[in-house]
Amino acid sequence: MNEQEIISRFESIEKRLDKLEGKPITSAEVKQGKKEDFSGLAGGIRLLIKNGFLNTPKDTKEIKTELKRESYHYTDAGISSTLTETFVKNKRVLNRIKEYKKWKYVVRK
């Protein structure tokens, strides 16, 4: 067993202990979810979060443009409702901010 394998095993044991002890989950763990599944619209938004695109406030048009660049083609209404319902209300990964009469979305810190 080499040094890298020992380190990775040690880190996985630490994570399991933290869960057993009830240590709060970090925002990075919430963003990743249980596994990295980038299928569908929600998967596309998870990809943008992982890539750091939503570290600064973006409106739905900017998000739609970036999703198209990543080959996710969805309507403005679908993007807006998924952002609000799934990522702001349910998972609480994003915040919604009103700037100049437009809603902007940004990763929660």
N, C-alpha and C. Protein backbone atom coordinates (compact mmCIF):
# COMPACT_ATOMS: atom_id res chain seq x y z
N MET A 1 0.85 -1.18 0.00
CA MET A 1 0.00 0.00 0.00
C MET A 1 0.90 1.24 0.00
N ASN A 2 0.68 2.12 -0.99
CA ASN A 2 1.52 3.31 -1.06
C ASN A 2 0.92 4.45 -0.21
N GLU A 3 1.64 5.53 -0.15
CA GLU A 3 1.26 6.65 0.71
C GLU A 3 -0.08 7.27 0.31
N GLN A 4 -0.33 7.37 -1.00
CA GLN A 4 -1.57 7.97 -1.48
C GLN A 4 -2.78 7.12 -1.07
N GLU A 5 -2.67 5.81 -1.16
CA GLU A 5 -3.77 4.94 -0.75
C GLU A 5 -4.05 5.06 0.74
N ILE A 6 -3.01 5.17 1.53
CA ILE A 6 -3.17 5.32 2.98
C ILE A 6 -3.89 6.63 3.28
N ILE A 7 -3.49 7.70 2.61
CA ILE A 7 -4.12 9.01 2.83
C ILE A 7 -5.60 8.97 2.44
N SER A 8 -5.92 8.37 1.29
CA SER A 8 -7.32 8.34 0.86
C SER A 8 -8.17 7.48 1.81
N ARG A 9 -7.63 6.38 2.29
CA ARG A 9 -8.36 5.55 3.26
C ARG A 9 -8.59 6.31 4.57
N PHE A 10 -7.58 7.01 5.02
CA PHE A 10 -7.69 7.79 6.25
C PHE A 10 -8.76 8.87 6.11
N GLU A 11 -8.79 9.56 4.95
CA GLU A 11 -9.79 10.60 4.72
C GLU A 11 -11.20 10.01 4.69
N SER A 12 -11.37 8.85 4.08
CA SER A 12 -12.71 8.24 4.04
C SER A 12 -13.16 7.81 5.44
N ILE A 13 -12.23 7.33 6.26
CA ILE A 13 -12.56 6.97 7.64
C ILE A 13 -12.96 8.21 8.43
N GLU A 14 -12.25 9.32 8.22
CA GLU A 14 -12.60 10.57 8.90
C GLU A 14 -14.00 11.04 8.53
N LYS A 15 -14.35 10.95 7.24
CA LYS A 15 -15.68 11.36 6.80
C LYS A 15 -16.76 10.51 7.46
N ARG A 16 -16.53 9.21 7.53
CA ARG A 16 -17.51 8.32 8.16
C ARG A 16 -17.65 8.63 9.64
N LEU A 17 -16.55 8.91 10.32
CA LEU A 17 -16.61 9.27 11.73
C LEU A 17 -17.38 10.57 11.94
N ASP A 18 -17.12 11.55 11.08
CA ASP A 18 -17.82 12.83 11.18
C ASP A 18 -19.33 12.64 11.05
N LYS A 19 -19.75 11.77 10.12
CA LYS A 19 -21.19 11.51 9.96
C LYS A 19 -21.75 10.84 11.21
N LEU A 20 -21.02 9.89 11.75
CA LEU A 20 -21.49 9.20 12.95
C LEU A 20 -21.58 10.12 14.15
N GLU A 21 -20.66 11.07 14.26
CA GLU A 21 -20.64 12.00 15.37
C GLU A 21 -21.62 13.15 15.18
N GLY A 22 -22.21 13.25 14.01
CA GLY A 22 -23.20 14.29 13.75
C GLY A 22 -22.59 15.63 13.41
N LYS A 23 -21.40 15.63 12.86
CA LYS A 23 -20.75 16.88 12.45
C LYS A 23 -21.55 17.48 11.29
N PRO A 24 -21.75 18.82 11.29
CA PRO A 24 -22.52 19.45 10.22
C PRO A 24 -21.88 19.21 8.85
N ILE A 25 -22.73 19.09 7.84
CA ILE A 25 -22.27 18.87 6.48
C ILE A 25 -21.81 20.20 5.91
N THR A 26 -20.69 20.21 5.21
CA THR A 26 -20.18 21.44 4.60
C THR A 26 -20.95 21.73 3.32
N SER A 27 -20.89 22.99 2.86
CA SER A 27 -21.60 23.37 1.65
C SER A 27 -21.05 22.65 0.43
N ALA A 28 -19.77 22.31 0.43
CA ALA A 28 -19.19 21.57 -0.69
C ALA A 28 -19.80 20.18 -0.81
N GLU A 29 -20.08 19.54 0.32
CA GLU A 29 -20.71 18.22 0.31
C GLU A 29 -22.14 18.30 -0.18
N VAL A 30 -22.84 19.38 0.16
CA VAL A 30 -24.22 19.56 -0.28
C VAL A 30 -24.26 19.78 -1.79
N LYS A 31 -23.34 20.57 -2.29
CA LYS A 31 -23.30 20.86 -3.72
C LYS A 31 -23.08 19.60 -4.53
N GLN A 32 -22.23 18.71 -4.05
CA GLN A 32 -21.93 17.49 -4.80
C GLN A 32 -23.08 16.51 -4.75
N GLY A 33 -23.84 16.47 -3.69
CA GLY A 33 -24.89 15.48 -3.54
C GLY A 33 -24.27 14.13 -3.26
N LYS A 34 -25.06 13.07 -3.39
CA LYS A 34 -24.55 11.73 -3.11
C LYS A 34 -23.61 11.26 -4.20
N LYS A 35 -23.92 11.57 -5.44
CA LYS A 35 -23.03 11.25 -6.55
C LYS A 35 -23.15 12.36 -7.57
N GLU A 36 -22.19 12.46 -8.42
CA GLU A 36 -22.22 13.51 -9.41
C GLU A 36 -23.02 13.06 -10.62
N ASP A 37 -24.28 13.47 -10.66
CA ASP A 37 -25.18 13.14 -11.76
C ASP A 37 -25.51 14.44 -12.47
N PHE A 38 -25.07 14.57 -13.69
CA PHE A 38 -25.28 15.81 -14.43
C PHE A 38 -26.32 15.64 -15.54
N SER A 39 -27.29 14.73 -15.35
CA SER A 39 -28.31 14.54 -16.37
C SER A 39 -29.49 15.48 -16.10
N GLY A 40 -30.11 15.92 -17.17
CA GLY A 40 -31.27 16.79 -17.08
C GLY A 40 -30.91 18.22 -16.71
N LEU A 41 -31.94 19.02 -16.54
CA LEU A 41 -31.75 20.43 -16.22
C LEU A 41 -31.09 20.63 -14.87
N ALA A 42 -31.54 19.91 -13.85
CA ALA A 42 -30.94 20.03 -12.52
C ALA A 42 -29.47 19.61 -12.56
N GLY A 43 -29.15 18.60 -13.35
CA GLY A 43 -27.76 18.18 -13.51
C GLY A 43 -26.91 19.26 -14.16
N GLY A 44 -27.48 19.95 -15.13
CA GLY A 44 -26.77 21.05 -15.78
C GLY A 44 -26.49 22.18 -14.80
N ILE A 45 -27.45 22.48 -13.95
CA ILE A 45 -27.25 23.53 -12.95
C ILE A 45 -26.21 23.07 -11.92
N ARG A 46 -26.25 21.79 -11.53
CA ARG A 46 -25.21 21.26 -10.62
C ARG A 46 -23.83 21.38 -11.25
N LEU A 47 -23.73 21.16 -12.56
CA LEU A 47 -22.46 21.30 -13.26
C LEU A 47 -21.97 22.74 -13.20
N LEU A 48 -22.87 23.70 -13.40
CA LEU A 48 -22.49 25.12 -13.32
C LEU A 48 -22.01 25.47 -11.92
N ILE A 49 -22.68 24.94 -10.90
CA ILE A 49 -22.27 25.20 -9.52
C ILE A 49 -20.89 24.60 -9.27
N LYS A 50 -20.69 23.38 -9.73
CA LYS A 50 -19.40 22.71 -9.54
C LYS A 50 -18.28 23.46 -10.24
N ASN A 51 -18.56 24.00 -11.42
CA ASN A 51 -17.55 24.74 -12.18
C ASN A 51 -17.30 26.14 -11.65
N GLY A 52 -18.09 26.58 -10.67
CA GLY A 52 -17.90 27.90 -10.07
C GLY A 52 -18.57 29.03 -10.82
N PHE A 53 -19.43 28.71 -11.79
CA PHE A 53 -20.10 29.75 -12.58
C PHE A 53 -21.02 30.61 -11.73
N LEU A 54 -21.66 30.02 -10.73
CA LEU A 54 -22.62 30.75 -9.91
C LEU A 54 -22.00 31.28 -8.61
N ASN A 55 -20.70 31.46 -8.59
CA ASN A 55 -20.06 32.07 -7.42
C ASN A 55 -20.33 33.57 -7.36
N THR A 56 -20.70 34.16 -8.49
CA THR A 56 -21.13 35.55 -8.54
C THR A 56 -22.57 35.57 -9.05
N PRO A 57 -23.37 36.57 -8.65
CA PRO A 57 -24.79 36.60 -9.04
C PRO A 57 -24.99 36.62 -10.55
N LYS A 58 -25.87 35.74 -11.02
CA LYS A 58 -26.20 35.64 -12.44
C LYS A 58 -27.71 35.59 -12.60
N ASP A 59 -28.23 36.24 -13.67
CA ASP A 59 -29.67 36.15 -13.94
C ASP A 59 -29.96 34.95 -14.84
N THR A 60 -31.23 34.70 -15.09
CA THR A 60 -31.61 33.49 -15.83
C THR A 60 -31.08 33.50 -17.26
N LYS A 61 -30.98 34.68 -17.88
CA LYS A 61 -30.45 34.74 -19.25
C LYS A 61 -28.98 34.31 -19.30
N GLU A 62 -28.20 34.77 -18.33
CA GLU A 62 -26.79 34.37 -18.27
C GLU A 62 -26.66 32.87 -18.01
N ILE A 63 -27.52 32.36 -17.13
CA ILE A 63 -27.49 30.93 -16.81
C ILE A 63 -27.91 30.11 -18.02
N LYS A 64 -28.95 30.58 -18.75
CA LYS A 64 -29.40 29.87 -19.95
C LYS A 64 -28.30 29.83 -21.00
N THR A 65 -27.58 30.94 -21.18
CA THR A 65 -26.49 30.99 -22.15
C THR A 65 -25.38 30.00 -21.79
N GLU A 66 -25.04 29.95 -20.52
CA GLU A 66 -23.98 29.03 -20.07
C GLU A 66 -24.45 27.57 -20.20
N LEU A 67 -25.72 27.31 -19.88
CA LEU A 67 -26.25 25.95 -20.05
C LEU A 67 -26.21 25.53 -21.52
N LYS A 68 -26.55 26.45 -22.43
CA LYS A 68 -26.48 26.14 -23.86
C LYS A 68 -25.04 25.84 -24.27
N ARG A 69 -24.10 26.59 -23.71
CA ARG A 69 -22.69 26.36 -24.02
C ARG A 69 -22.25 24.97 -23.56
N GLU A 70 -22.88 24.47 -22.50
CA GLU A 70 -22.58 23.14 -21.97
C GLU A 70 -23.51 22.07 -22.57
N SER A 71 -24.28 22.44 -23.61
CA SER A 71 -25.19 21.54 -24.35
C SER A 71 -26.43 21.12 -23.56
N TYR A 72 -26.95 22.02 -22.72
CA TYR A 72 -28.23 21.81 -22.04
C TYR A 72 -29.19 22.86 -22.61
N HIS A 73 -30.21 22.42 -23.33
CA HIS A 73 -31.12 23.35 -24.01
C HIS A 73 -32.50 23.28 -23.36
N TYR A 74 -32.82 24.31 -22.56
CA TYR A 74 -34.09 24.36 -21.84
C TYR A 74 -34.67 25.77 -21.92
N THR A 75 -35.98 25.90 -21.65
CA THR A 75 -36.67 27.19 -21.72
C THR A 75 -36.34 28.04 -20.50
N ASP A 76 -36.59 29.35 -20.64
CA ASP A 76 -36.39 30.27 -19.52
C ASP A 76 -37.27 29.89 -18.33
N ALA A 77 -38.52 29.52 -18.60
CA ALA A 77 -39.45 29.16 -17.52
C ALA A 77 -38.98 27.92 -16.78
N GLY A 78 -38.51 26.93 -17.51
CA GLY A 78 -38.01 25.71 -16.88
C GLY A 78 -36.78 25.97 -16.02
N ILE A 79 -35.87 26.78 -16.54
CA ILE A 79 -34.65 27.12 -15.80
C ILE A 79 -35.01 27.88 -14.53
N SER A 80 -35.87 28.89 -14.68
CA SER A 80 -36.25 29.72 -13.55
C SER A 80 -36.94 28.90 -12.45
N SER A 81 -37.88 28.04 -12.84
CA SER A 81 -38.59 27.27 -11.82
C SER A 81 -37.68 26.24 -11.16
N THR A 82 -36.78 25.62 -11.92
CA THR A 82 -35.85 24.65 -11.32
C THR A 82 -34.90 25.34 -10.36
N LEU A 83 -34.40 26.51 -10.75
CA LEU A 83 -33.52 27.26 -9.86
C LEU A 83 -34.23 27.59 -8.55
N THR A 84 -35.45 28.14 -8.67
CA THR A 84 -36.18 28.58 -7.48
C THR A 84 -36.64 27.42 -6.61
N GLU A 85 -37.33 26.47 -7.21
CA GLU A 85 -37.92 25.38 -6.43
C GLU A 85 -36.87 24.40 -5.90
N THR A 86 -35.99 23.95 -6.76
CA THR A 86 -35.05 22.90 -6.38
C THR A 86 -33.85 23.44 -5.61
N PHE A 87 -33.21 24.46 -6.17
CA PHE A 87 -31.92 24.88 -5.61
C PHE A 87 -32.02 25.98 -4.56
N VAL A 88 -33.11 26.77 -4.57
CA VAL A 88 -33.26 27.82 -3.55
C VAL A 88 -34.11 27.29 -2.39
N LYS A 89 -35.28 26.72 -2.69
CA LYS A 89 -36.21 26.32 -1.63
C LYS A 89 -35.89 24.95 -1.04
N ASN A 90 -35.72 23.94 -1.88
CA ASN A 90 -35.56 22.57 -1.38
C ASN A 90 -34.15 22.26 -0.89
N LYS A 91 -33.17 22.38 -1.75
CA LYS A 91 -31.80 22.01 -1.38
C LYS A 91 -31.05 23.11 -0.66
N ARG A 92 -31.50 24.35 -0.81
CA ARG A 92 -30.88 25.51 -0.19
C ARG A 92 -29.39 25.63 -0.53
N VAL A 93 -29.09 25.46 -1.80
CA VAL A 93 -27.72 25.58 -2.29
C VAL A 93 -27.50 26.99 -2.84
N LEU A 94 -28.55 27.59 -3.39
CA LEU A 94 -28.45 28.92 -3.99
C LEU A 94 -29.28 29.94 -3.22
N ASN A 95 -28.86 31.20 -3.32
CA ASN A 95 -29.64 32.33 -2.83
C ASN A 95 -30.20 33.07 -4.03
N ARG A 96 -31.35 33.71 -3.85
CA ARG A 96 -31.97 34.51 -4.90
C ARG A 96 -31.95 35.96 -4.44
N ILE A 97 -31.38 36.82 -5.26
CA ILE A 97 -31.21 38.24 -4.92
C ILE A 97 -31.88 39.07 -6.00
N LYS A 98 -32.61 40.12 -5.58
CA LYS A 98 -33.24 41.00 -6.55
C LYS A 98 -32.35 42.21 -6.78
N GLU A 99 -31.87 42.37 -8.02
CA GLU A 99 -31.04 43.51 -8.40
C GLU A 99 -31.63 44.15 -9.64
N TYR A 100 -31.93 45.44 -9.55
CA TYR A 100 -32.48 46.19 -10.69
C TYR A 100 -33.68 45.49 -11.32
N LYS A 101 -34.64 45.08 -10.48
CA LYS A 101 -35.89 44.45 -10.88
C LYS A 101 -35.70 43.10 -11.57
N LYS A 102 -34.54 42.46 -11.37
CA LYS A 102 -34.28 41.13 -11.92
C LYS A 102 -33.79 40.23 -10.80
N TRP A 103 -34.21 38.96 -10.83
CA TRP A 103 -33.73 37.99 -9.86
C TRP A 103 -32.38 37.45 -10.33
N LYS A 104 -31.44 37.39 -9.40
CA LYS A 104 -30.14 36.80 -9.69
C LYS A 104 -29.89 35.68 -8.69
N TYR A 105 -29.16 34.67 -9.14
CA TYR A 105 -28.89 33.48 -8.33
C TYR A 105 -27.40 33.37 -8.06
N VAL A 106 -27.07 32.99 -6.82
CA VAL A 106 -25.67 32.88 -6.42
C VAL A 106 -25.55 31.76 -5.38
N VAL A 107 -24.39 31.12 -5.34
CA VAL A 107 -24.15 30.04 -4.38
C VAL A 107 -24.18 30.59 -2.97
N ARG A 108 -24.88 29.87 -2.07
CA ARG A 108 -24.93 30.24 -0.67
C ARG A 108 -23.57 30.05 -0.03
N LYS A 109 -23.19 30.96 0.81
CA LYS A 109 -21.89 30.85 1.49
C LYS A 109 -22.11 30.44 2.92
